[in-house]
Amino acid sequence: MDEARREPPASRRPKAIAGIYILNDKDELLLARAPKWKNKYSLIGGHIEFGESAKDAAAREAKEEANLDLKGMRFAFFVDGIGLDSDCAGPGKHFIFLDFIAWAKNPAEIKLGKELSSYKWDSIDNWIKRDKADFAPCIHEYLPQLKKEVAASAQDYEKLYWRALADYQNLKKRCDRERSELVKYGNERLILEILPSYNNLKLALRHARSRNPGDENISQGIEYVIRQFAETLGSYGVEEIQVNGRLFDHAEMDAVDKKATGEKELDGKVAEELKPGYKLNGKVIEHAKVAVWKYDK
């Protein structure tokens, strides 16, 4: 019983092989003639070293045997090759093939290593039409499934393309919007710092008229400065919010006081502007401070 369970020698164990169905940007498949497989068309690939993942082994073999760097690599097929005849291993050997699909980053730079004699890029359909005898074991019968896998990948890449395009267009719209807002509102902070001086000028004019009603020189001088100020602010898209006689609008006004009224039609309307409000290119940058009428029976 113990004899039957004894571990077989290394020479009698299955050999793990990593292979790659390598395609170019036209989805043409690369196959190479391999003397170790009786010079038949074979995948690029080789033994998996101890401590090496199958995927890393496939990428290493692609570089060593064909000078190719790969992209989009993913697992394709597990093939249990029992009793195969290989010149490099002799007849009746047991191989475990772990096959991947990948695309060559540099298909024009292919250089074959010593284990391959020639290579060919061709469509999968054309490879399928060839005689199975032209191929190393466990390749030709998997080409129809490979064709389906590649077609599915193309659909996946198309979806990724449209998703990336949509993301790009959304990003572009957002950048355009932010750029437009920067142009429109880039001076907001500076304008907010200037507005108190503008408001003070208007207060000064009001006081000058109330305290010196007969002295027009002072009033006219202040009015001239205010007009210049208003024209300059207007050229940058600044406009004063008009509140007199309007219903209270919380989007443009802050109610800081209430005034009683016996007239019902005045209820909710602005009774007095206490501090001006301003817009910059249509955006409220400072709410008007107002007193609001409240109907009192």
C-alpha atoms as a PDB file:
ATOM      1  CA  MET A   1       0.000   0.000   0.000  1.00  0.00           C
ATOM      2  CA  ASP A   2       2.800   2.411   0.929  1.00  0.00           C
ATOM      3  CA  GLU A   3       4.624   1.423  -2.267  1.00  0.00           C
ATOM      4  CA  ALA A   4       1.587   2.407  -4.358  1.00  0.00           C
ATOM      5  CA  ARG A   5       1.477   5.862  -2.744  1.00  0.00           C
ATOM      6  CA  ARG A   6       5.181   6.551  -3.162  1.00  0.00           C
ATOM      7  CA  GLU A   7       5.808   9.884  -4.933  1.00  0.00           C
ATOM      8  CA  PRO A   8       6.968   9.407  -8.561  1.00  0.00           C
ATOM      9  CA  PRO A   9      10.414  10.677  -9.585  1.00  0.00           C
ATOM     10  CA  ALA A  10      10.631  14.195 -11.057  1.00  0.00           C
ATOM     11  CA  SER A  11      11.089  12.769 -14.554  1.00  0.00           C
ATOM     12  CA  ARG A  12       7.629  11.187 -14.308  1.00  0.00           C
ATOM     13  CA  ARG A  13       5.767  14.264 -13.109  1.00  0.00           C
ATOM     14  CA  PRO A  14       3.709  16.530 -15.431  1.00  0.00           C
ATOM     15  CA  LYS A  15       5.602  19.539 -16.751  1.00  0.00           C
ATOM     16  CA  ALA A  16       3.911  22.961 -16.460  1.00  0.00           C
ATOM     17  CA  ILE A  17       4.157  25.099 -19.596  1.00  0.00           C
ATOM     18  CA  ALA A  18       3.047  28.717 -19.978  1.00  0.00           C
ATOM     19  CA  GLY A  19       2.020  29.676 -23.515  1.00  0.00           C
ATOM     20  CA  ILE A  20       0.737  32.911 -25.057  1.00  0.00           C
ATOM     21  CA  TYR A  21      -1.609  33.544 -27.931  1.00  0.00           C
ATOM     22  CA  ILE A  22       0.011  36.834 -28.975  1.00  0.00           C
ATOM     23  CA  LEU A  23      -1.949  39.222 -31.204  1.00  0.00           C
ATOM     24  CA  ASN A  24      -1.096  42.526 -32.854  1.00  0.00           C
ATOM     25  CA  ASP A  25      -3.294  45.630 -33.129  1.00  0.00           C
ATOM     26  CA  LYS A  26      -5.054  44.056 -36.152  1.00  0.00           C
ATOM     27  CA  ASP A  27      -5.891  41.004 -33.988  1.00  0.00           C
ATOM     28  CA  GLU A  28      -3.606  38.863 -36.144  1.00  0.00           C
ATOM     29  CA  LEU A  29      -2.203  35.855 -34.294  1.00  0.00           C
ATOM     30  CA  LEU A  30       1.501  35.155 -33.998  1.00  0.00           C
ATOM     31  CA  LEU A  31       2.626  31.533 -34.272  1.00  0.00           C
ATOM     32  CA  ALA A  32       6.214  30.337 -34.644  1.00  0.00           C
ATOM     33  CA  ARG A  33       7.760  27.136 -35.931  1.00  0.00           C
ATOM     34  CA  ALA A  34       9.478  25.302 -33.089  1.00  0.00           C
ATOM     35  CA  PRO A  35      12.062  22.580 -33.786  1.00  0.00           C
ATOM     36  CA  LYS A  36      11.305  21.000 -30.402  1.00  0.00           C
ATOM     37  CA  TRP A  37       7.744  20.382 -31.700  1.00  0.00           C
ATOM     38  CA  LYS A  38       8.929  18.856 -35.011  1.00  0.00           C
ATOM     39  CA  ASN A  39       9.153  22.388 -36.482  1.00  0.00           C
ATOM     40  CA  LYS A  40       5.385  22.808 -36.409  1.00  0.00           C
ATOM     41  CA  TYR A  41       3.552  26.009 -35.592  1.00  0.00           C
ATOM     42  CA  SER A  42       3.537  26.555 -31.856  1.00  0.00           C
ATOM     43  CA  LEU A  43       2.782  29.228 -29.282  1.00  0.00           C
ATOM     44  CA  ILE A  44       5.501  31.367 -27.802  1.00  0.00           C
ATOM     45  CA  GLY A  45       6.056  29.891 -24.355  1.00  0.00           C
ATOM     46  CA  GLY A  46       8.081  27.616 -22.160  1.00  0.00           C
ATOM     47  CA  HIS A  47       8.530  25.985 -18.775  1.00  0.00           C
ATOM     48  CA  ILE A  48       7.385  27.685 -15.603  1.00  0.00           C
ATOM     49  CA  GLU A  49      10.347  28.076 -13.277  1.00  0.00           C
ATOM     50  CA  PHE A  50      10.179  27.186  -9.592  1.00  0.00           C
ATOM     51  CA  GLY A  51       8.668  30.103  -7.633  1.00  0.00           C
ATOM     52  CA  GLU A  52       7.465  31.831 -10.819  1.00  0.00           C
ATOM     53  CA  SER A  53       3.818  32.547 -11.589  1.00  0.00           C
ATOM     54  CA  ALA A  54       2.411  31.254 -14.890  1.00  0.00           C
ATOM     55  CA  LYS A  55       1.672  34.815 -16.014  1.00  0.00           C
ATOM     56  CA  ASP A  56       5.212  35.988 -15.250  1.00  0.00           C
ATOM     57  CA  ALA A  57       6.605  32.937 -17.050  1.00  0.00           C
ATOM     58  CA  ALA A  58       4.532  33.753 -20.155  1.00  0.00           C
ATOM     59  CA  ALA A  59       5.729  37.363 -20.180  1.00  0.00           C
ATOM     60  CA  ARG A  60       9.350  36.243 -19.691  1.00  0.00           C
ATOM     61  CA  GLU A  61       9.157  33.728 -22.550  1.00  0.00           C
ATOM     62  CA  ALA A  62       7.645  36.359 -24.863  1.00  0.00           C
ATOM     63  CA  LYS A  63      10.595  38.639 -24.163  1.00  0.00           C
ATOM     64  CA  GLU A  64      13.282  35.951 -24.331  1.00  0.00           C
ATOM     65  CA  GLU A  65      11.980  34.051 -27.380  1.00  0.00           C
ATOM     66  CA  ALA A  66      10.468  36.883 -29.448  1.00  0.00           C
ATOM     67  CA  ASN A  67      11.670  40.203 -27.938  1.00  0.00           C
ATOM     68  CA  LEU A  68       8.036  41.197 -27.359  1.00  0.00           C
ATOM     69  CA  ASP A  69       6.527  43.235 -24.549  1.00  0.00           C
ATOM     70  CA  LEU A  70       2.897  42.422 -23.801  1.00  0.00           C
ATOM     71  CA  LYS A  71      -0.256  44.273 -22.777  1.00  0.00           C
ATOM     72  CA  GLY A  72      -3.771  43.196 -21.831  1.00  0.00           C
ATOM     73  CA  MET A  73      -2.637  39.730 -20.804  1.00  0.00           C
ATOM     74  CA  ARG A  74      -5.296  37.453 -19.353  1.00  0.00           C
ATOM     75  CA  PHE A  75      -5.744  33.741 -18.802  1.00  0.00           C
ATOM     76  CA  ALA A  76      -7.342  31.804 -21.671  1.00  0.00           C
ATOM     77  CA  PHE A  77      -7.109  28.001 -21.461  1.00  0.00           C
ATOM     78  CA  PHE A  78      -6.010  25.143 -19.236  1.00  0.00           C
ATOM     79  CA  VAL A  79      -4.958  22.194 -21.391  1.00  0.00           C
ATOM     80  CA  ASP A  80      -4.057  18.786 -20.003  1.00  0.00           C
ATOM     81  CA  GLY A  81      -1.683  17.321 -22.591  1.00  0.00           C
ATOM     82  CA  ILE A  82      -1.192  13.650 -21.809  1.00  0.00           C
ATOM     83  CA  GLY A  83       0.951  11.335 -23.935  1.00  0.00           C
ATOM     84  CA  LEU A  84       2.308  14.025 -26.258  1.00  0.00           C
ATOM     85  CA  ASP A  85       5.283  13.476 -28.559  1.00  0.00           C
ATOM     86  CA  SER A  86       7.874  16.254 -28.340  1.00  0.00           C
ATOM     87  CA  ASP A  87      11.419  16.231 -29.686  1.00  0.00           C
ATOM     88  CA  CYS A  88      12.553  18.067 -26.579  1.00  0.00           C
ATOM     89  CA  ALA A  89      10.946  15.613 -24.164  1.00  0.00           C
ATOM     90  CA  GLY A  90      10.446  12.363 -26.058  1.00  0.00           C
ATOM     91  CA  PRO A  91       7.236  10.431 -26.610  1.00  0.00           C
ATOM     92  CA  GLY A  92       4.512   9.832 -24.042  1.00  0.00           C
ATOM     93  CA  LYS A  93       5.116  12.905 -21.928  1.00  0.00           C
ATOM     94  CA  HIS A  94       2.538  14.680 -19.797  1.00  0.00           C
ATOM     95  CA  PHE A  95       2.346  18.474 -20.113  1.00  0.00           C
ATOM     96  CA  ILE A  96       0.035  20.926 -18.347  1.00  0.00           C
ATOM     97  CA  PHE A  97      -0.435  23.983 -20.555  1.00  0.00           C
ATOM     98  CA  LEU A  98      -1.523  27.272 -18.967  1.00  0.00           C
ATOM     99  CA  ASP A  99      -2.283  29.465 -21.967  1.00  0.00           C
ATOM    100  CA  PHE A 100      -2.804  33.230 -21.995  1.00  0.00           C
ATOM    101  CA  ILE A 101      -4.045  35.817 -24.482  1.00  0.00           C
ATOM    102  CA  ALA A 102      -2.066  39.052 -24.851  1.00  0.00           C
ATOM    103  CA  TRP A 103      -1.364  41.849 -27.313  1.00  0.00           C
ATOM    104  CA  ALA A 104       2.132  42.827 -28.406  1.00  0.00           C
ATOM    105  CA  LYS A 105       3.189  46.377 -27.578  1.00  0.00           C
ATOM    106  CA  ASN A 106       6.009  46.262 -30.138  1.00  0.00           C
ATOM    107  CA  PRO A 107       5.062  43.761 -32.876  1.00  0.00           C
ATOM    108  CA  ALA A 108       7.454  45.329 -35.400  1.00  0.00           C
ATOM    109  CA  GLU A 109      10.438  44.607 -33.124  1.00  0.00           C
ATOM    110  CA  ILE A 110      10.080  40.819 -33.051  1.00  0.00           C
ATOM    111  CA  LYS A 111      13.359  38.868 -32.886  1.00  0.00           C
ATOM    112  CA  LEU A 112      13.244  35.112 -32.502  1.00  0.00           C
ATOM    113  CA  GLY A 113      15.324  33.253 -29.960  1.00  0.00           C
ATOM    114  CA  LYS A 114      17.249  30.043 -30.536  1.00  0.00           C
ATOM    115  CA  GLU A 115      14.261  27.776 -29.813  1.00  0.00           C
ATOM    116  CA  LEU A 116      12.220  29.087 -32.789  1.00  0.00           C
ATOM    117  CA  SER A 117      13.021  28.920 -36.505  1.00  0.00           C
ATOM    118  CA  SER A 118      10.432  31.251 -38.140  1.00  0.00           C
ATOM    119  CA  TYR A 119       7.221  33.078 -37.384  1.00  0.00           C
ATOM    120  CA  LYS A 120       4.045  34.295 -39.068  1.00  0.00           C
ATOM    121  CA  TRP A 121       1.299  36.816 -38.280  1.00  0.00           C
ATOM    122  CA  ASP A 122      -2.068  35.847 -39.750  1.00  0.00           C
ATOM    123  CA  SER A 123      -5.768  36.191 -39.003  1.00  0.00           C
ATOM    124  CA  ILE A 124      -7.282  33.598 -36.701  1.00  0.00           C
ATOM    125  CA  ASP A 125      -9.656  32.583 -39.508  1.00  0.00           C
ATOM    126  CA  ASN A 126      -6.713  31.810 -41.801  1.00  0.00           C
ATOM    127  CA  TRP A 127      -5.001  29.790 -39.075  1.00  0.00           C
ATOM    128  CA  ILE A 128      -8.204  27.800 -38.551  1.00  0.00           C
ATOM    129  CA  LYS A 129      -8.304  26.945 -42.281  1.00  0.00           C
ATOM    130  CA  ARG A 130      -4.849  25.338 -42.126  1.00  0.00           C
ATOM    131  CA  ASP A 131      -4.346  21.609 -41.752  1.00  0.00           C
ATOM    132  CA  LYS A 132      -4.226  20.537 -38.107  1.00  0.00           C
ATOM    133  CA  ALA A 133      -1.039  18.611 -38.923  1.00  0.00           C
ATOM    134  CA  ASP A 134       0.806  21.941 -39.348  1.00  0.00           C
ATOM    135  CA  PHE A 135       0.441  22.667 -35.621  1.00  0.00           C
ATOM    136  CA  ALA A 136       2.019  21.469 -32.424  1.00  0.00           C
ATOM    137  CA  PRO A 137      -0.418  19.605 -30.129  1.00  0.00           C
ATOM    138  CA  CYS A 138      -3.302  21.373 -28.361  1.00  0.00           C
ATOM    139  CA  ILE A 139      -3.328  24.522 -30.503  1.00  0.00           C
ATOM    140  CA  HIS A 140      -5.443  24.140 -33.655  1.00  0.00           C
ATOM    141  CA  GLU A 141      -8.470  22.749 -31.798  1.00  0.00           C
ATOM    142  CA  TYR A 142      -8.496  25.802 -29.503  1.00  0.00           C
ATOM    143  CA  LEU A 143      -8.428  28.430 -32.261  1.00  0.00           C
ATOM    144  CA  PRO A 144     -12.248  28.670 -32.666  1.00  0.00           C
ATOM    145  CA  GLN A 145     -12.562  29.347 -28.928  1.00  0.00           C
ATOM    146  CA  LEU A 146      -9.711  31.847 -29.183  1.00  0.00           C
ATOM    147  CA  LYS A 147     -11.632  33.660 -31.918  1.00  0.00           C
ATOM    148  CA  LYS A 148     -14.616  34.022 -29.550  1.00  0.00           C
ATOM    149  CA  GLU A 149     -12.380  35.220 -26.731  1.00  0.00           C
ATOM    150  CA  VAL A 150     -10.768  37.878 -28.954  1.00  0.00           C
ATOM    151  CA  ALA A 151     -14.178  39.027 -30.223  1.00  0.00           C
ATOM    152  CA  ALA A 152     -15.385  39.364 -26.625  1.00  0.00           C
ATOM    153  CA  SER A 153     -12.250  41.330 -25.773  1.00  0.00           C
ATOM    154  CA  ALA A 154     -12.900  43.658 -28.700  1.00  0.00           C
ATOM    155  CA  GLN A 155     -16.382  44.322 -27.360  1.00  0.00           C
ATOM    156  CA  ASP A 156     -14.934  44.963 -23.897  1.00  0.00           C
ATOM    157  CA  TYR A 157     -12.381  47.391 -25.341  1.00  0.00           C
ATOM    158  CA  GLU A 158     -15.124  49.115 -27.333  1.00  0.00           C
ATOM    159  CA  LYS A 159     -17.125  49.570 -24.150  1.00  0.00           C
ATOM    160  CA  LEU A 160     -14.029  50.909 -22.403  1.00  0.00           C
ATOM    161  CA  TYR A 161     -13.430  53.250 -25.336  1.00  0.00           C
ATOM    162  CA  TRP A 162     -16.935  54.709 -25.211  1.00  0.00           C
ATOM    163  CA  ARG A 163     -16.770  54.981 -21.441  1.00  0.00           C
ATOM    164  CA  ALA A 164     -13.384  56.729 -21.639  1.00  0.00           C
ATOM    165  CA  LEU A 165     -14.706  59.014 -24.384  1.00  0.00           C
ATOM    166  CA  ALA A 166     -17.729  59.930 -22.250  1.00  0.00           C
ATOM    167  CA  ASP A 167     -15.450  60.587 -19.261  1.00  0.00           C
ATOM    168  CA  TYR A 168     -13.215  62.748 -21.448  1.00  0.00           C
ATOM    169  CA  GLN A 169     -16.155  64.754 -22.789  1.00  0.00           C
ATOM    170  CA  ASN A 170     -17.514  65.269 -19.265  1.00  0.00           C
ATOM    171  CA  LEU A 171     -14.064  66.357 -18.102  1.00  0.00           C
ATOM    172  CA  LYS A 172     -13.755  68.746 -21.044  1.00  0.00           C
ATOM    173  CA  LYS A 173     -17.177  70.258 -20.297  1.00  0.00           C
ATOM    174  CA  ARG A 174     -16.238  70.675 -16.649  1.00  0.00           C
ATOM    175  CA  CYS A 175     -12.903  72.288 -17.550  1.00  0.00           C
ATOM    176  CA  ASP A 176     -14.625  74.606 -20.036  1.00  0.00           C
ATOM    177  CA  ARG A 177     -17.202  75.513 -17.399  1.00  0.00           C
ATOM    178  CA  GLU A 178     -14.526  76.141 -14.760  1.00  0.00           C
ATOM    179  CA  ARG A 179     -12.495  78.185 -17.241  1.00  0.00           C
ATOM    180  CA  SER A 180     -15.572  80.239 -18.104  1.00  0.00           C
ATOM    181  CA  GLU A 181     -16.374  80.750 -14.429  1.00  0.00           C
ATOM    182  CA  LEU A 182     -12.781  81.761 -13.755  1.00  0.00           C
ATOM    183  CA  VAL A 183     -13.044  84.435 -16.441  1.00  0.00           C
ATOM    184  CA  LYS A 184     -16.461  85.591 -15.208  1.00  0.00           C
ATOM    185  CA  TYR A 185     -15.811  85.451 -11.477  1.00  0.00           C
ATOM    186  CA  GLY A 186     -12.027  85.637 -11.199  1.00  0.00           C
ATOM    187  CA  ASN A 187     -12.261  89.237  -9.872  1.00  0.00           C
ATOM    188  CA  GLU A 188     -14.883  88.425  -7.245  1.00  0.00           C
ATOM    189  CA  ARG A 189     -12.563  88.669  -4.262  1.00  0.00           C
ATOM    190  CA  LEU A 190     -11.092  91.986  -5.393  1.00  0.00           C
ATOM    191  CA  ILE A 191     -14.547  93.425  -6.114  1.00  0.00           C
ATOM    192  CA  LEU A 192     -15.809  92.383  -2.681  1.00  0.00           C
ATOM    193  CA  GLU A 193     -12.918  94.320  -1.152  1.00  0.00           C
ATOM    194  CA  ILE A 194     -13.749  97.415  -3.250  1.00  0.00           C
ATOM    195  CA  LEU A 195     -17.528  97.466  -2.674  1.00  0.00           C
ATOM    196  CA  PRO A 196     -17.331  98.824   0.925  1.00  0.00           C
ATOM    197  CA  SER A 197     -15.542 101.915  -0.397  1.00  0.00           C
ATOM    198  CA  TYR A 198     -18.230 102.327  -3.063  1.00  0.00           C
ATOM    199  CA  ASN A 199     -20.963 102.021  -0.427  1.00  0.00           C
ATOM    200  CA  ASN A 200     -19.190 104.557   1.777  1.00  0.00           C
ATOM    201  CA  LEU A 201     -19.115 107.042  -1.094  1.00  0.00           C
ATOM    202  CA  LYS A 202     -22.895 106.704  -1.494  1.00  0.00           C
ATOM    203  CA  LEU A 203     -23.346 107.212   2.253  1.00  0.00           C
ATOM    204  CA  ALA A 204     -21.102 110.270   2.090  1.00  0.00           C
ATOM    205  CA  LEU A 205     -23.279 111.739  -0.679  1.00  0.00           C
ATOM    206  CA  ARG A 206     -26.419 111.169   1.393  1.00  0.00           C
ATOM    207  CA  HIS A 207     -24.901 112.874   4.437  1.00  0.00           C
ATOM    208  CA  ALA A 208     -23.537 115.774   2.370  1.00  0.00           C
ATOM    209  CA  ARG A 209     -26.978 116.489   0.967  1.00  0.00           C
ATOM    210  CA  SER A 210     -28.663 116.294   4.382  1.00  0.00           C
ATOM    211  CA  ARG A 211     -26.102 118.446   6.222  1.00  0.00           C
ATOM    212  CA  ASN A 212     -25.264 120.961   3.461  1.00  0.00           C
ATOM    213  CA  PRO A 213     -28.363 121.157   1.267  1.00  0.00           C
ATOM    214  CA  GLY A 214     -27.240 124.450  -0.275  1.00  0.00           C
ATOM    215  CA  ASP A 215     -23.657 123.382  -1.128  1.00  0.00           C
ATOM    216  CA  GLU A 216     -23.886 121.583  -4.487  1.00  0.00           C
ATOM    217  CA  ASN A 217     -20.117 121.604  -5.111  1.00  0.00           C
ATOM    218  CA  ILE A 218     -19.404 118.853  -2.584  1.00  0.00           C
ATOM    219  CA  SER A 219     -22.419 116.794  -3.706  1.00  0.00           C
ATOM    220  CA  GLN A 220     -21.542 117.108  -7.394  1.00  0.00           C
ATOM    221  CA  GLY A 221     -17.939 116.084  -6.762  1.00  0.00           C
ATOM    222  CA  ILE A 222     -18.993 112.963  -4.873  1.00  0.00           C
ATOM    223  CA  GLU A 223     -21.615 112.147  -7.524  1.00  0.00           C
ATOM    224  CA  TYR A 224     -18.963 112.323 -10.239  1.00  0.00           C
ATOM    225  CA  VAL A 225     -16.712 109.868  -8.383  1.00  0.00           C
ATOM    226  CA  ILE A 226     -19.665 107.540  -7.750  1.00  0.00           C
ATOM    227  CA  ARG A 227     -20.599 107.535 -11.465  1.00  0.00           C
ATOM    228  CA  GLN A 228     -17.033 106.680 -12.436  1.00  0.00           C
ATOM    229  CA  PHE A 229     -16.983 103.976  -9.799  1.00  0.00           C
ATOM    230  CA  ALA A 230     -20.298 102.523 -11.053  1.00  0.00           C
ATOM    231  CA  GLU A 231     -19.164 102.554 -14.689  1.00  0.00           C
ATOM    232  CA  THR A 232     -15.935 100.744 -13.824  1.00  0.00           C
ATOM    233  CA  LEU A 233     -17.740  98.116 -11.753  1.00  0.00           C
ATOM    234  CA  GLY A 234     -20.324  97.705 -14.537  1.00  0.00           C
ATOM    235  CA  SER A 235     -17.581  97.054 -17.081  1.00  0.00           C
ATOM    236  CA  TYR A 236     -16.587  94.032 -14.979  1.00  0.00           C
ATOM    237  CA  GLY A 237     -20.156  92.711 -14.859  1.00  0.00           C
ATOM    238  CA  VAL A 238     -21.131  94.153 -11.454  1.00  0.00           C
ATOM    239  CA  GLU A 239     -24.729  95.285 -11.008  1.00  0.00           C
ATOM    240  CA  GLU A 240     -26.595  96.503  -7.961  1.00  0.00           C
ATOM    241  CA  ILE A 241     -29.582  94.454  -6.817  1.00  0.00           C
ATOM    242  CA  GLN A 242     -32.776  96.490  -7.057  1.00  0.00           C
ATOM    243  CA  VAL A 243     -34.988  95.901  -4.005  1.00  0.00           C
ATOM    244  CA  ASN A 244     -37.362  98.835  -3.592  1.00  0.00           C
ATOM    245  CA  GLY A 245     -41.013  97.813  -3.908  1.00  0.00           C
ATOM    246  CA  ARG A 246     -40.174  94.144  -4.506  1.00  0.00           C
ATOM    247  CA  LEU A 247     -41.362  91.134  -2.580  1.00  0.00           C
ATOM    248  CA  PHE A 248     -38.675  89.780  -0.316  1.00  0.00           C
ATOM    249  CA  ASP A 249     -36.464  87.298  -2.203  1.00  0.00           C
ATOM    250  CA  HIS A 250     -34.172  85.199  -0.003  1.00  0.00           C
ATOM    251  CA  ALA A 251     -31.988  84.384  -3.039  1.00  0.00           C
ATOM    252  CA  GLU A 252     -30.921  88.038  -3.282  1.00  0.00           C
ATOM    253  CA  MET A 253     -31.792  89.599   0.084  1.00  0.00           C
ATOM    254  CA  ASP A 254     -31.241  89.170   3.797  1.00  0.00           C
ATOM    255  CA  ALA A 255     -34.080  90.364   6.051  1.00  0.00           C
ATOM    256  CA  VAL A 256     -32.475  92.059   9.052  1.00  0.00           C
ATOM    257  CA  ASP A 257     -35.481  94.047  10.269  1.00  0.00           C
ATOM    258  CA  LYS A 258     -39.280  94.099  10.114  1.00  0.00           C
ATOM    259  CA  LYS A 259     -41.682  97.025   9.971  1.00  0.00           C
ATOM    260  CA  ALA A 260     -45.360  96.871  10.842  1.00  0.00           C
ATOM    261  CA  THR A 261     -47.967  98.046   8.327  1.00  0.00           C
ATOM    262  CA  GLY A 262     -51.715  98.177   8.240  1.00  0.00           C
ATOM    263  CA  GLU A 263     -51.782  97.791   4.465  1.00  0.00           C
ATOM    264  CA  LYS A 264     -52.173  94.128   3.583  1.00  0.00           C
ATOM    265  CA  GLU A 265     -50.844  94.562   0.047  1.00  0.00           C
ATOM    266  CA  LEU A 266     -47.449  95.619   1.456  1.00  0.00           C
ATOM    267  CA  ASP A 267     -47.020  92.439   3.506  1.00  0.00           C
ATOM    268  CA  GLY A 268     -43.762  90.698   2.597  1.00  0.00           C
ATOM    269  CA  LYS A 269     -42.433  93.541   0.482  1.00  0.00           C
ATOM    270  CA  VAL A 270     -39.205  95.455   1.047  1.00  0.00           C
ATOM    271  CA  ALA A 271     -39.775  98.437   3.307  1.00  0.00           C
ATOM    272  CA  GLU A 272     -36.226  99.821   3.203  1.00  0.00           C
ATOM    273  CA  GLU A 273     -32.812  99.004   1.824  1.00  0.00           C
ATOM    274  CA  LEU A 274     -30.310  99.071   4.684  1.00  0.00           C
ATOM    275  CA  LYS A 275     -27.267  97.974   2.674  1.00  0.00           C
ATOM    276  CA  PRO A 276     -26.962  97.449  -1.094  1.00  0.00           C
ATOM    277  CA  GLY A 277     -26.500  93.995  -2.604  1.00  0.00           C
ATOM    278  CA  TYR A 278     -24.569  93.157  -5.778  1.00  0.00           C
ATOM    279  CA  LYS A 279     -24.344  90.593  -8.561  1.00  0.00           C
ATOM    280  CA  LEU A 280     -21.293  89.676 -10.627  1.00  0.00           C
ATOM    281  CA  ASN A 281     -22.269  88.456 -14.097  1.00  0.00           C
ATOM    282  CA  GLY A 282     -25.618  87.337 -12.719  1.00  0.00           C
ATOM    283  CA  LYS A 283     -24.220  85.640  -9.605  1.00  0.00           C
ATOM    284  CA  VAL A 284     -25.129  87.127  -6.228  1.00  0.00           C
ATOM    285  CA  ILE A 285     -21.878  87.994  -4.492  1.00  0.00           C
ATOM    286  CA  GLU A 286     -23.392  90.100  -1.708  1.00  0.00           C
ATOM    287  CA  HIS A 287     -26.989  89.938  -0.510  1.00  0.00           C
ATOM    288  CA  ALA A 288     -28.896  93.175   0.002  1.00  0.00           C
ATOM    289  CA  LYS A 289     -29.730  93.884   3.650  1.00  0.00           C
ATOM    290  CA  VAL A 290     -33.361  94.983   3.915  1.00  0.00           C
ATOM    291  CA  ALA A 291     -36.247  95.687   6.250  1.00  0.00           C
ATOM    292  CA  VAL A 292     -39.490  93.927   5.305  1.00  0.00           C
ATOM    293  CA  TRP A 293     -43.086  95.034   5.807  1.00  0.00           C
ATOM    294  CA  LYS A 294     -45.191  92.799   8.084  1.00  0.00           C
ATOM    295  CA  TYR A 295     -48.961  93.159   7.966  1.00  0.00           C
ATOM    296  CA  ASP A 296     -50.374  93.967  11.420  1.00  0.00           C
ATOM    297  CA  LYS A 297     -54.131  93.741  11.849  1.00  0.00           C
END
